[in-house]
Amino acid sequence: MNAARGETAVLLGGERRRACLTLGALAEIETGLGVDGLAAVAERMKTLSAKDLMVVLTAVLCGGGESAPDVAGVDPREAAVAVAQAFAAAAA
């Protein structure tokens, strides 16, 4: 993991994976959530649906280097923790 880049290790289904909130991931999140701008993303993150959570998780896993992450079957609690870790690592 490259902490200087904002990468973090997340545990999903017993598998260690890399997540990173990149500019590309932010753009994917905006598009996936149907919002425009970081303020709108922040507001939408307060009330994510399960589908929205998977959009965000997919984006941060892509930011971590996965080309087509499979998030089907990921426990929602693990997904929420992974997303929170990715955002925290980006802010550090």
PDB file of N, CA and C in Angstrom:
ATOM      1  N   MET A   1       0.830  -1.180   0.000  1.00  0.00           N
ATOM      2  CA  MET A   1       0.000   0.000   0.000  1.00  0.00           C
ATOM      3  C   MET A   1       0.878   1.248   0.000  1.00  0.00           C
ATOM      4  N   ASN A   2       0.427   2.230  -0.711  1.00  0.00           N
ATOM      5  CA  ASN A   2       1.138   3.500  -0.770  1.00  0.00           C
ATOM      6  C   ASN A   2       0.307   4.548  -0.036  1.00  0.00           C
ATOM      7  N   ALA A   3       0.571   4.709   1.242  1.00  0.00           N
ATOM      8  CA  ALA A   3      -0.208   5.644   2.068  1.00  0.00           C
ATOM      9  C   ALA A   3      -0.070   7.081   1.568  1.00  0.00           C
ATOM     10  N   ALA A   4       1.075   7.436   0.999  1.00  0.00           N
ATOM     11  CA  ALA A   4       1.256   8.789   0.484  1.00  0.00           C
ATOM     12  C   ALA A   4       0.301   9.067  -0.672  1.00  0.00           C
ATOM     13  N   ARG A   5      -0.112   8.028  -1.372  1.00  0.00           N
ATOM     14  CA  ARG A   5      -1.059   8.161  -2.480  1.00  0.00           C
ATOM     15  C   ARG A   5      -2.505   8.066  -1.997  1.00  0.00           C
ATOM     16  N   GLY A   6      -2.698   7.702  -0.738  1.00  0.00           N
ATOM     17  CA  GLY A   6      -4.040   7.565  -0.198  1.00  0.00           C
ATOM     18  C   GLY A   6      -4.602   6.165  -0.307  1.00  0.00           C
ATOM     19  N   GLU A   7      -3.745   5.196  -0.602  1.00  0.00           N
ATOM     20  CA  GLU A   7      -4.192   3.804  -0.704  1.00  0.00           C
ATOM     21  C   GLU A   7      -4.376   3.216   0.682  1.00  0.00           C
ATOM     22  N   THR A   8      -5.325   2.310   0.797  1.00  0.00           N
ATOM     23  CA  THR A   8      -5.552   1.621   2.058  1.00  0.00           C
ATOM     24  C   THR A   8      -5.938   0.176   1.772  1.00  0.00           C
ATOM     25  N   ALA A   9      -5.616  -0.697   2.687  1.00  0.00           N
ATOM     26  CA  ALA A   9      -6.010  -2.100   2.578  1.00  0.00           C
ATOM     27  C   ALA A   9      -7.365  -2.258   3.240  1.00  0.00           C
ATOM     28  N   VAL A  10      -8.294  -2.901   2.529  1.00  0.00           N
ATOM     29  CA  VAL A  10      -9.625  -3.151   3.071  1.00  0.00           C
ATOM     30  C   VAL A  10      -9.875  -4.650   3.046  1.00  0.00           C
ATOM     31  N   LEU A  11     -10.693  -5.114   3.958  1.00  0.00           N
ATOM     32  CA  LEU A  11     -11.011  -6.533   4.043  1.00  0.00           C
ATOM     33  C   LEU A  11     -12.447  -6.739   3.599  1.00  0.00           C
ATOM     34  N   LEU A  12     -12.621  -7.483   2.516  1.00  0.00           N
ATOM     35  CA  LEU A  12     -13.943  -7.768   1.971  1.00  0.00           C
ATOM     36  C   LEU A  12     -14.073  -9.275   1.753  1.00  0.00           C
ATOM     37  N   GLY A  13     -14.974  -9.900   2.482  1.00  0.00           N
ATOM     38  CA  GLY A  13     -15.171 -11.335   2.334  1.00  0.00           C
ATOM     39  C   GLY A  13     -13.942 -12.145   2.666  1.00  0.00           C
ATOM     40  N   GLY A  14     -13.169 -11.660   3.621  1.00  0.00           N
ATOM     41  CA  GLY A  14     -11.952 -12.364   4.022  1.00  0.00           C
ATOM     42  C   GLY A  14     -10.770 -12.123   3.103  1.00  0.00           C
ATOM     43  N   GLU A  15     -10.946 -11.323   2.075  1.00  0.00           N
ATOM     44  CA  GLU A  15      -9.891 -11.029   1.117  1.00  0.00           C
ATOM     45  C   GLU A  15      -9.398  -9.601   1.304  1.00  0.00           C
ATOM     46  N   ARG A  16      -8.087  -9.446   1.361  1.00  0.00           N
ATOM     47  CA  ARG A  16      -7.486  -8.123   1.476  1.00  0.00           C
ATOM     48  C   ARG A  16      -7.408  -7.495   0.090  1.00  0.00           C
ATOM     49  N   ARG A  17      -7.975  -6.299  -0.032  1.00  0.00           N
ATOM     50  CA  ARG A  17      -7.996  -5.595  -1.309  1.00  0.00           C
ATOM     51  C   ARG A  17      -7.539  -4.159  -1.098  1.00  0.00           C
ATOM     52  N   ARG A  18      -7.122  -3.527  -2.187  1.00  0.00           N
ATOM     53  CA  ARG A  18      -6.615  -2.153  -2.123  1.00  0.00           C
ATOM     54  C   ARG A  18      -7.710  -1.196  -2.579  1.00  0.00           C
ATOM     55  N   ALA A  19      -7.897  -0.131  -1.832  1.00  0.00           N
ATOM     56  CA  ALA A  19      -8.867   0.908  -2.181  1.00  0.00           C
ATOM     57  C   ALA A  19      -8.171   2.255  -2.177  1.00  0.00           C
ATOM     58  N   CYS A  20      -8.625   3.143  -3.061  1.00  0.00           N
ATOM     59  CA  CYS A  20      -8.032   4.476  -3.130  1.00  0.00           C
ATOM     60  C   CYS A  20      -9.045   5.439  -3.738  1.00  0.00           C
ATOM     61  N   LEU A  21      -9.229   6.547  -3.085  1.00  0.00           N
ATOM     62  CA  LEU A  21     -10.136   7.586  -3.563  1.00  0.00           C
ATOM     63  C   LEU A  21      -9.355   8.530  -4.474  1.00  0.00           C
ATOM     64  N   THR A  22      -9.319   8.193  -5.740  1.00  0.00           N
ATOM     65  CA  THR A  22      -8.613   8.999  -6.741  1.00  0.00           C
ATOM     66  C   THR A  22      -9.580  10.001  -7.369  1.00  0.00           C
ATOM     67  N   LEU A  23      -9.048  10.900  -8.187  1.00  0.00           N
ATOM     68  CA  LEU A  23      -9.922  11.813  -8.926  1.00  0.00           C
ATOM     69  C   LEU A  23     -10.838  11.037  -9.861  1.00  0.00           C
ATOM     70  N   GLY A  24     -10.300   9.978 -10.463  1.00  0.00           N
ATOM     71  CA  GLY A  24     -11.123   9.136 -11.328  1.00  0.00           C
ATOM     72  C   GLY A  24     -12.241   8.469 -10.549  1.00  0.00           C
ATOM     73  N   ALA A  25     -11.929   8.011  -9.338  1.00  0.00           N
ATOM     74  CA  ALA A  25     -12.948   7.390  -8.485  1.00  0.00           C
ATOM     75  C   ALA A  25     -14.015   8.417  -8.119  1.00  0.00           C
ATOM     76  N   LEU A  26     -13.601   9.639  -7.803  1.00  0.00           N
ATOM     77  CA  LEU A  26     -14.577  10.682  -7.499  1.00  0.00           C
ATOM     78  C   LEU A  26     -15.488  10.959  -8.688  1.00  0.00           C
ATOM     79  N   ALA A  27     -14.922  10.974  -9.882  1.00  0.00           N
ATOM     80  CA  ALA A  27     -15.735  11.192 -11.085  1.00  0.00           C
ATOM     81  C   ALA A  27     -16.725  10.043 -11.275  1.00  0.00           C
ATOM     82  N   GLU A  28     -16.268   8.816 -11.041  1.00  0.00           N
ATOM     83  CA  GLU A  28     -17.160   7.653 -11.139  1.00  0.00           C
ATOM     84  C   GLU A  28     -18.278   7.739 -10.099  1.00  0.00           C
ATOM     85  N   ILE A  29     -17.936   8.187  -8.916  1.00  0.00           N
ATOM     86  CA  ILE A  29     -18.940   8.326  -7.849  1.00  0.00           C
ATOM     87  C   ILE A  29     -19.974   9.374  -8.239  1.00  0.00           C
ATOM     88  N   GLU A  30     -19.516  10.527  -8.722  1.00  0.00           N
ATOM     89  CA  GLU A  30     -20.452  11.569  -9.166  1.00  0.00           C
ATOM     90  C   GLU A  30     -21.411  11.021 -10.218  1.00  0.00           C
ATOM     91  N   THR A  31     -20.858  10.349 -11.219  1.00  0.00           N
ATOM     92  CA  THR A  31     -21.678   9.800 -12.297  1.00  0.00           C
ATOM     93  C   THR A  31     -22.621   8.726 -11.772  1.00  0.00           C
ATOM     94  N   GLY A  32     -22.096   7.809 -10.980  1.00  0.00           N
ATOM     95  CA  GLY A  32     -22.897   6.708 -10.459  1.00  0.00           C
ATOM     96  C   GLY A  32     -24.015   7.149  -9.540  1.00  0.00           C
ATOM     97  N   LEU A  33     -23.781   8.224  -8.803  1.00  0.00           N
ATOM     98  CA  LEU A  33     -24.801   8.738  -7.886  1.00  0.00           C
ATOM     99  C   LEU A  33     -25.698   9.776  -8.551  1.00  0.00           C
ATOM    100  N   GLY A  34     -25.339  10.172  -9.768  1.00  0.00           N
ATOM    101  CA  GLY A  34     -26.148  11.147 -10.493  1.00  0.00           C
ATOM    102  C   GLY A  34     -26.112  12.531  -9.887  1.00  0.00           C
ATOM    103  N   VAL A  35     -24.935  12.915  -9.371  1.00  0.00           N
ATOM    104  CA  VAL A  35     -24.778  14.233  -8.774  1.00  0.00           C
ATOM    105  C   VAL A  35     -23.647  14.975  -9.465  1.00  0.00           C
ATOM    106  N   ASP A  36     -23.560  16.272  -9.211  1.00  0.00           N
ATOM    107  CA  ASP A  36     -22.532  17.095  -9.834  1.00  0.00           C
ATOM    108  C   ASP A  36     -21.802  17.889  -8.761  1.00  0.00           C
ATOM    109  N   GLY A  37     -20.529  17.590  -8.576  1.00  0.00           N
ATOM    110  CA  GLY A  37     -19.713  18.343  -7.637  1.00  0.00           C
ATOM    111  C   GLY A  37     -19.494  17.625  -6.319  1.00  0.00           C
ATOM    112  N   LEU A  38     -18.400  18.011  -5.673  1.00  0.00           N
ATOM    113  CA  LEU A  38     -18.019  17.362  -4.417  1.00  0.00           C
ATOM    114  C   LEU A  38     -19.001  17.642  -3.290  1.00  0.00           C
ATOM    115  N   ALA A  39     -19.579  18.828  -3.269  1.00  0.00           N
ATOM    116  CA  ALA A  39     -20.560  19.139  -2.229  1.00  0.00           C
ATOM    117  C   ALA A  39     -21.771  18.226  -2.358  1.00  0.00           C
ATOM    118  N   ALA A  40     -22.196  17.978  -3.588  1.00  0.00           N
ATOM    119  CA  ALA A  40     -23.336  17.088  -3.816  1.00  0.00           C
ATOM    120  C   ALA A  40     -22.990  15.653  -3.449  1.00  0.00           C
ATOM    121  N   VAL A  41     -21.750  15.238  -3.726  1.00  0.00           N
ATOM    122  CA  VAL A  41     -21.312  13.894  -3.317  1.00  0.00           C
ATOM    123  C   VAL A  41     -21.361  13.786  -1.794  1.00  0.00           C
ATOM    124  N   ALA A  42     -20.818  14.779  -1.103  1.00  0.00           N
ATOM    125  CA  ALA A  42     -20.793  14.757   0.362  1.00  0.00           C
ATOM    126  C   ALA A  42     -22.203  14.679   0.933  1.00  0.00           C
ATOM    127  N   GLU A  43     -23.118  15.435   0.360  1.00  0.00           N
ATOM    128  CA  GLU A  43     -24.496  15.419   0.840  1.00  0.00           C
ATOM    129  C   GLU A  43     -25.143  14.059   0.588  1.00  0.00           C
ATOM    130  N   ARG A  44     -24.919  13.516  -0.589  1.00  0.00           N
ATOM    131  CA  ARG A  44     -25.516  12.217  -0.949  1.00  0.00           C
ATOM    132  C   ARG A  44     -24.951  11.086  -0.103  1.00  0.00           C
ATOM    133  N   MET A  45     -23.684  11.197   0.299  1.00  0.00           N
ATOM    134  CA  MET A  45     -23.040  10.152   1.101  1.00  0.00           C
ATOM    135  C   MET A  45     -23.718  10.007   2.468  1.00  0.00           C
ATOM    136  N   LYS A  46     -24.468  11.008   2.890  1.00  0.00           N
ATOM    137  CA  LYS A  46     -25.152  10.945   4.185  1.00  0.00           C
ATOM    138  C   LYS A  46     -26.309   9.969   4.176  1.00  0.00           C
ATOM    139  N   THR A  47     -26.867   9.672   2.998  1.00  0.00           N
ATOM    140  CA  THR A  47     -28.047   8.805   2.903  1.00  0.00           C
ATOM    141  C   THR A  47     -27.909   7.813   1.749  1.00  0.00           C
ATOM    142  N   LEU A  48     -26.848   7.038   1.755  1.00  0.00           N
ATOM    143  CA  LEU A  48     -26.617   6.082   0.677  1.00  0.00           C
ATOM    144  C   LEU A  48     -27.570   4.897   0.767  1.00  0.00           C
ATOM    145  N   SER A  49     -28.078   4.500  -0.380  1.00  0.00           N
ATOM    146  CA  SER A  49     -28.807   3.234  -0.467  1.00  0.00           C
ATOM    147  C   SER A  49     -27.771   2.126  -0.626  1.00  0.00           C
ATOM    148  N   ALA A  50     -28.210   0.894  -0.565  1.00  0.00           N
ATOM    149  CA  ALA A  50     -27.294  -0.233  -0.765  1.00  0.00           C
ATOM    150  C   ALA A  50     -26.674  -0.173  -2.164  1.00  0.00           C
ATOM    151  N   LYS A  51     -27.484   0.193  -3.147  1.00  0.00           N
ATOM    152  CA  LYS A  51     -26.985   0.321  -4.523  1.00  0.00           C
ATOM    153  C   LYS A  51     -25.925   1.414  -4.606  1.00  0.00           C
ATOM    154  N   ASP A  52     -26.193   2.552  -3.966  1.00  0.00           N
ATOM    155  CA  ASP A  52     -25.225   3.650  -3.948  1.00  0.00           C
ATOM    156  C   ASP A  52     -23.919   3.228  -3.293  1.00  0.00           C
ATOM    157  N   LEU A  53     -24.026   2.484  -2.207  1.00  0.00           N
ATOM    158  CA  LEU A  53     -22.837   2.014  -1.497  1.00  0.00           C
ATOM    159  C   LEU A  53     -21.976   1.149  -2.408  1.00  0.00           C
ATOM    160  N   MET A  54     -22.596   0.299  -3.211  1.00  0.00           N
ATOM    161  CA  MET A  54     -21.853  -0.553  -4.132  1.00  0.00           C
ATOM    162  C   MET A  54     -21.204   0.269  -5.241  1.00  0.00           C
ATOM    163  N   VAL A  55     -21.860   1.351  -5.674  1.00  0.00           N
ATOM    164  CA  VAL A  55     -21.273   2.262  -6.664  1.00  0.00           C
ATOM    165  C   VAL A  55     -19.994   2.869  -6.104  1.00  0.00           C
ATOM    166  N   VAL A  56     -20.072   3.355  -4.878  1.00  0.00           N
ATOM    167  CA  VAL A  56     -18.911   3.991  -4.250  1.00  0.00           C
ATOM    168  C   VAL A  56     -17.805   2.967  -4.000  1.00  0.00           C
ATOM    169  N   LEU A  57     -18.169   1.795  -3.505  1.00  0.00           N
ATOM    170  CA  LEU A  57     -17.175   0.742  -3.263  1.00  0.00           C
ATOM    171  C   LEU A  57     -16.468   0.359  -4.560  1.00  0.00           C
ATOM    172  N   THR A  58     -17.228   0.167  -5.616  1.00  0.00           N
ATOM    173  CA  THR A  58     -16.632  -0.178  -6.907  1.00  0.00           C
ATOM    174  C   THR A  58     -15.645   0.892  -7.350  1.00  0.00           C
ATOM    175  N   ALA A  59     -16.018   2.147  -7.188  1.00  0.00           N
ATOM    176  CA  ALA A  59     -15.147   3.254  -7.609  1.00  0.00           C
ATOM    177  C   ALA A  59     -13.837   3.276  -6.831  1.00  0.00           C
ATOM    178  N   VAL A  60     -13.885   3.087  -5.514  1.00  0.00           N
ATOM    179  CA  VAL A  60     -12.638   3.149  -4.734  1.00  0.00           C
ATOM    180  C   VAL A  60     -11.777   1.909  -4.971  1.00  0.00           C
ATOM    181  N   LEU A  61     -12.396   0.776  -5.290  1.00  0.00           N
ATOM    182  CA  LEU A  61     -11.605  -0.405  -5.646  1.00  0.00           C
ATOM    183  C   LEU A  61     -10.931  -0.211  -7.007  1.00  0.00           C
ATOM    184  N   CYS A  62     -11.648   0.411  -7.944  1.00  0.00           N
ATOM    185  CA  CYS A  62     -11.027   0.755  -9.228  1.00  0.00           C
ATOM    186  C   CYS A  62      -9.872   1.727  -9.010  1.00  0.00           C
ATOM    187  N   GLY A  63     -10.085   2.701  -8.119  1.00  0.00           N
ATOM    188  CA  GLY A  63      -9.016   3.638  -7.778  1.00  0.00           C
ATOM    189  C   GLY A  63      -7.808   2.939  -7.182  1.00  0.00           C
ATOM    190  N   GLY A  64      -8.050   1.811  -6.535  1.00  0.00           N
ATOM    191  CA  GLY A  64      -6.969   1.018  -5.961  1.00  0.00           C
ATOM    192  C   GLY A  64      -6.296   0.101  -6.949  1.00  0.00           C
ATOM    193  N   GLY A  65      -6.817   0.060  -8.174  1.00  0.00           N
ATOM    194  CA  GLY A  65      -6.139  -0.716  -9.212  1.00  0.00           C
ATOM    195  C   GLY A  65      -6.931  -1.870  -9.793  1.00  0.00           C
ATOM    196  N   GLU A  66      -8.100  -2.179  -9.263  1.00  0.00           N
ATOM    197  CA  GLU A  66      -8.900  -3.263  -9.829  1.00  0.00           C
ATOM    198  C   GLU A  66      -9.601  -2.754 -11.083  1.00  0.00           C
ATOM    199  N   SER A  67      -9.605  -3.578 -12.138  1.00  0.00           N
ATOM    200  CA  SER A  67     -10.212  -3.118 -13.383  1.00  0.00           C
ATOM    201  C   SER A  67     -11.718  -3.321 -13.430  1.00  0.00           C
ATOM    202  N   ALA A  68     -12.208  -4.392 -12.875  1.00  0.00           N
ATOM    203  CA  ALA A  68     -13.652  -4.643 -12.871  1.00  0.00           C
ATOM    204  C   ALA A  68     -14.002  -5.385 -11.585  1.00  0.00           C
ATOM    205  N   PRO A  69     -13.985  -4.668 -10.457  1.00  0.00           N
ATOM    206  CA  PRO A  69     -14.187  -5.351  -9.179  1.00  0.00           C
ATOM    207  C   PRO A  69     -15.577  -5.976  -9.059  1.00  0.00           C
ATOM    208  N   ASP A  70     -15.605  -7.188  -8.549  1.00  0.00           N
ATOM    209  CA  ASP A  70     -16.865  -7.885  -8.295  1.00  0.00           C
ATOM    210  C   ASP A  70     -17.261  -7.581  -6.853  1.00  0.00           C
ATOM    211  N   VAL A  71     -18.332  -6.817  -6.688  1.00  0.00           N
ATOM    212  CA  VAL A  71     -18.789  -6.464  -5.343  1.00  0.00           C
ATOM    213  C   VAL A  71     -20.089  -7.168  -4.980  1.00  0.00           C
ATOM    214  N   ALA A  72     -20.576  -8.005  -5.890  1.00  0.00           N
ATOM    215  CA  ALA A  72     -21.794  -8.763  -5.599  1.00  0.00           C
ATOM    216  C   ALA A  72     -21.525  -9.685  -4.412  1.00  0.00           C
ATOM    217  N   GLY A  73     -22.414  -9.668  -3.478  1.00  0.00           N
ATOM    218  CA  GLY A  73     -22.266 -10.536  -2.317  1.00  0.00           C
ATOM    219  C   GLY A  73     -21.410  -9.966  -1.200  1.00  0.00           C
ATOM    220  N   VAL A  74     -20.868  -8.771  -1.380  1.00  0.00           N
ATOM    221  CA  VAL A  74     -20.078  -8.147  -0.314  1.00  0.00           C
ATOM    222  C   VAL A  74     -21.022  -7.750   0.809  1.00  0.00           C
ATOM    223  N   ASP A  75     -20.641  -8.071   2.024  1.00  0.00           N
ATOM    224  CA  ASP A  75     -21.434  -7.702   3.192  1.00  0.00           C
ATOM    225  C   ASP A  75     -21.521  -6.176   3.263  1.00  0.00           C
ATOM    226  N   PRO A  76     -22.732  -5.626   3.407  1.00  0.00           N
ATOM    227  CA  PRO A  76     -22.871  -4.169   3.429  1.00  0.00           C
ATOM    228  C   PRO A  76     -22.077  -3.489   4.539  1.00  0.00           C
ATOM    229  N   ARG A  77     -21.937  -4.148   5.676  1.00  0.00           N
ATOM    230  CA  ARG A  77     -21.139  -3.552   6.757  1.00  0.00           C
ATOM    231  C   ARG A  77     -19.679  -3.464   6.360  1.00  0.00           C
ATOM    232  N   GLU A  78     -19.157  -4.526   5.712  1.00  0.00           N
ATOM    233  CA  GLU A  78     -17.774  -4.498   5.249  1.00  0.00           C
ATOM    234  C   GLU A  78     -17.606  -3.429   4.173  1.00  0.00           C
ATOM    235  N   ALA A  79     -18.601  -3.308   3.301  1.00  0.00           N
ATOM    236  CA  ALA A  79     -18.540  -2.294   2.245  1.00  0.00           C
ATOM    237  C   ALA A  79     -18.480  -0.897   2.844  1.00  0.00           C
ATOM    238  N   ALA A  80     -19.311  -0.641   3.848  1.00  0.00           N
ATOM    239  CA  ALA A  80     -19.336   0.678   4.491  1.00  0.00           C
ATOM    240  C   ALA A  80     -18.004   0.984   5.166  1.00  0.00           C
ATOM    241  N   VAL A  81     -17.432   0.006   5.825  1.00  0.00           N
ATOM    242  CA  VAL A  81     -16.136   0.196   6.481  1.00  0.00           C
ATOM    243  C   VAL A  81     -15.060   0.469   5.435  1.00  0.00           C
ATOM    244  N   ALA A  82     -15.073  -0.282   4.344  1.00  0.00           N
ATOM    245  CA  ALA A  82     -14.073  -0.108   3.287  1.00  0.00           C
ATOM    246  C   ALA A  82     -14.156   1.284   2.673  1.00  0.00           C
ATOM    247  N   VAL A  83     -15.373   1.743   2.402  1.00  0.00           N
ATOM    248  CA  VAL A  83     -15.561   3.078   1.839  1.00  0.00           C
ATOM    249  C   VAL A  83     -15.073   4.136   2.823  1.00  0.00           C
ATOM    250  N   ALA A  84     -15.415   3.982   4.089  1.00  0.00           N
ATOM    251  CA  ALA A  84     -14.971   4.935   5.113  1.00  0.00           C
ATOM    252  C   ALA A  84     -13.444   4.956   5.196  1.00  0.00           C
ATOM    253  N   GLN A  85     -12.822   3.791   5.125  1.00  0.00           N
ATOM    254  CA  GLN A  85     -11.354   3.722   5.169  1.00  0.00           C
ATOM    255  C   GLN A  85     -10.745   4.447   3.972  1.00  0.00           C
ATOM    256  N   ALA A  86     -11.323   4.278   2.788  1.00  0.00           N
ATOM    257  CA  ALA A  86     -10.791   4.920   1.591  1.00  0.00           C
ATOM    258  C   ALA A  86     -10.886   6.443   1.704  1.00  0.00           C
ATOM    259  N   PHE A  87     -12.013   6.938   2.200  1.00  0.00           N
ATOM    260  CA  PHE A  87     -12.169   8.387   2.370  1.00  0.00           C
ATOM    261  C   PHE A  87     -11.221   8.903   3.445  1.00  0.00           C
ATOM    262  N   ALA A  88     -11.051   8.155   4.532  1.00  0.00           N
ATOM    263  CA  ALA A  88     -10.143   8.581   5.604  1.00  0.00           C
ATOM    264  C   ALA A  88      -8.702   8.607   5.124  1.00  0.00           C
ATOM    265  N   ALA A  89      -8.320   7.606   4.347  1.00  0.00           N
ATOM    266  CA  ALA A  89      -6.943   7.560   3.835  1.00  0.00           C
ATOM    267  C   ALA A  89      -6.671   8.728   2.890  1.00  0.00           C
ATOM    268  N   ALA A  90      -7.681   9.116   2.116  1.00  0.00           N
ATOM    269  CA  ALA A  90      -7.513  10.244   1.197  1.00  0.00           C
ATOM    270  C   ALA A  90      -7.355  11.559   1.954  1.00  0.00           C
ATOM    271  N   ALA A  91      -7.947  11.641   3.128  1.00  0.00           N
ATOM    272  CA  ALA A  91      -7.909  12.879   3.921  1.00  0.00           C
ATOM    273  C   ALA A  91      -6.655  12.955   4.783  1.00  0.00           C
ATOM    274  N   ALA A  92      -5.963  11.841   4.939  1.00  0.00           N
ATOM    275  CA  ALA A  92      -4.788  11.810   5.828  1.00  0.00           C
ATOM    276  C   ALA A  92      -3.587  12.479   5.218  1.00  0.00           C
TER     277      ALA A  92
END
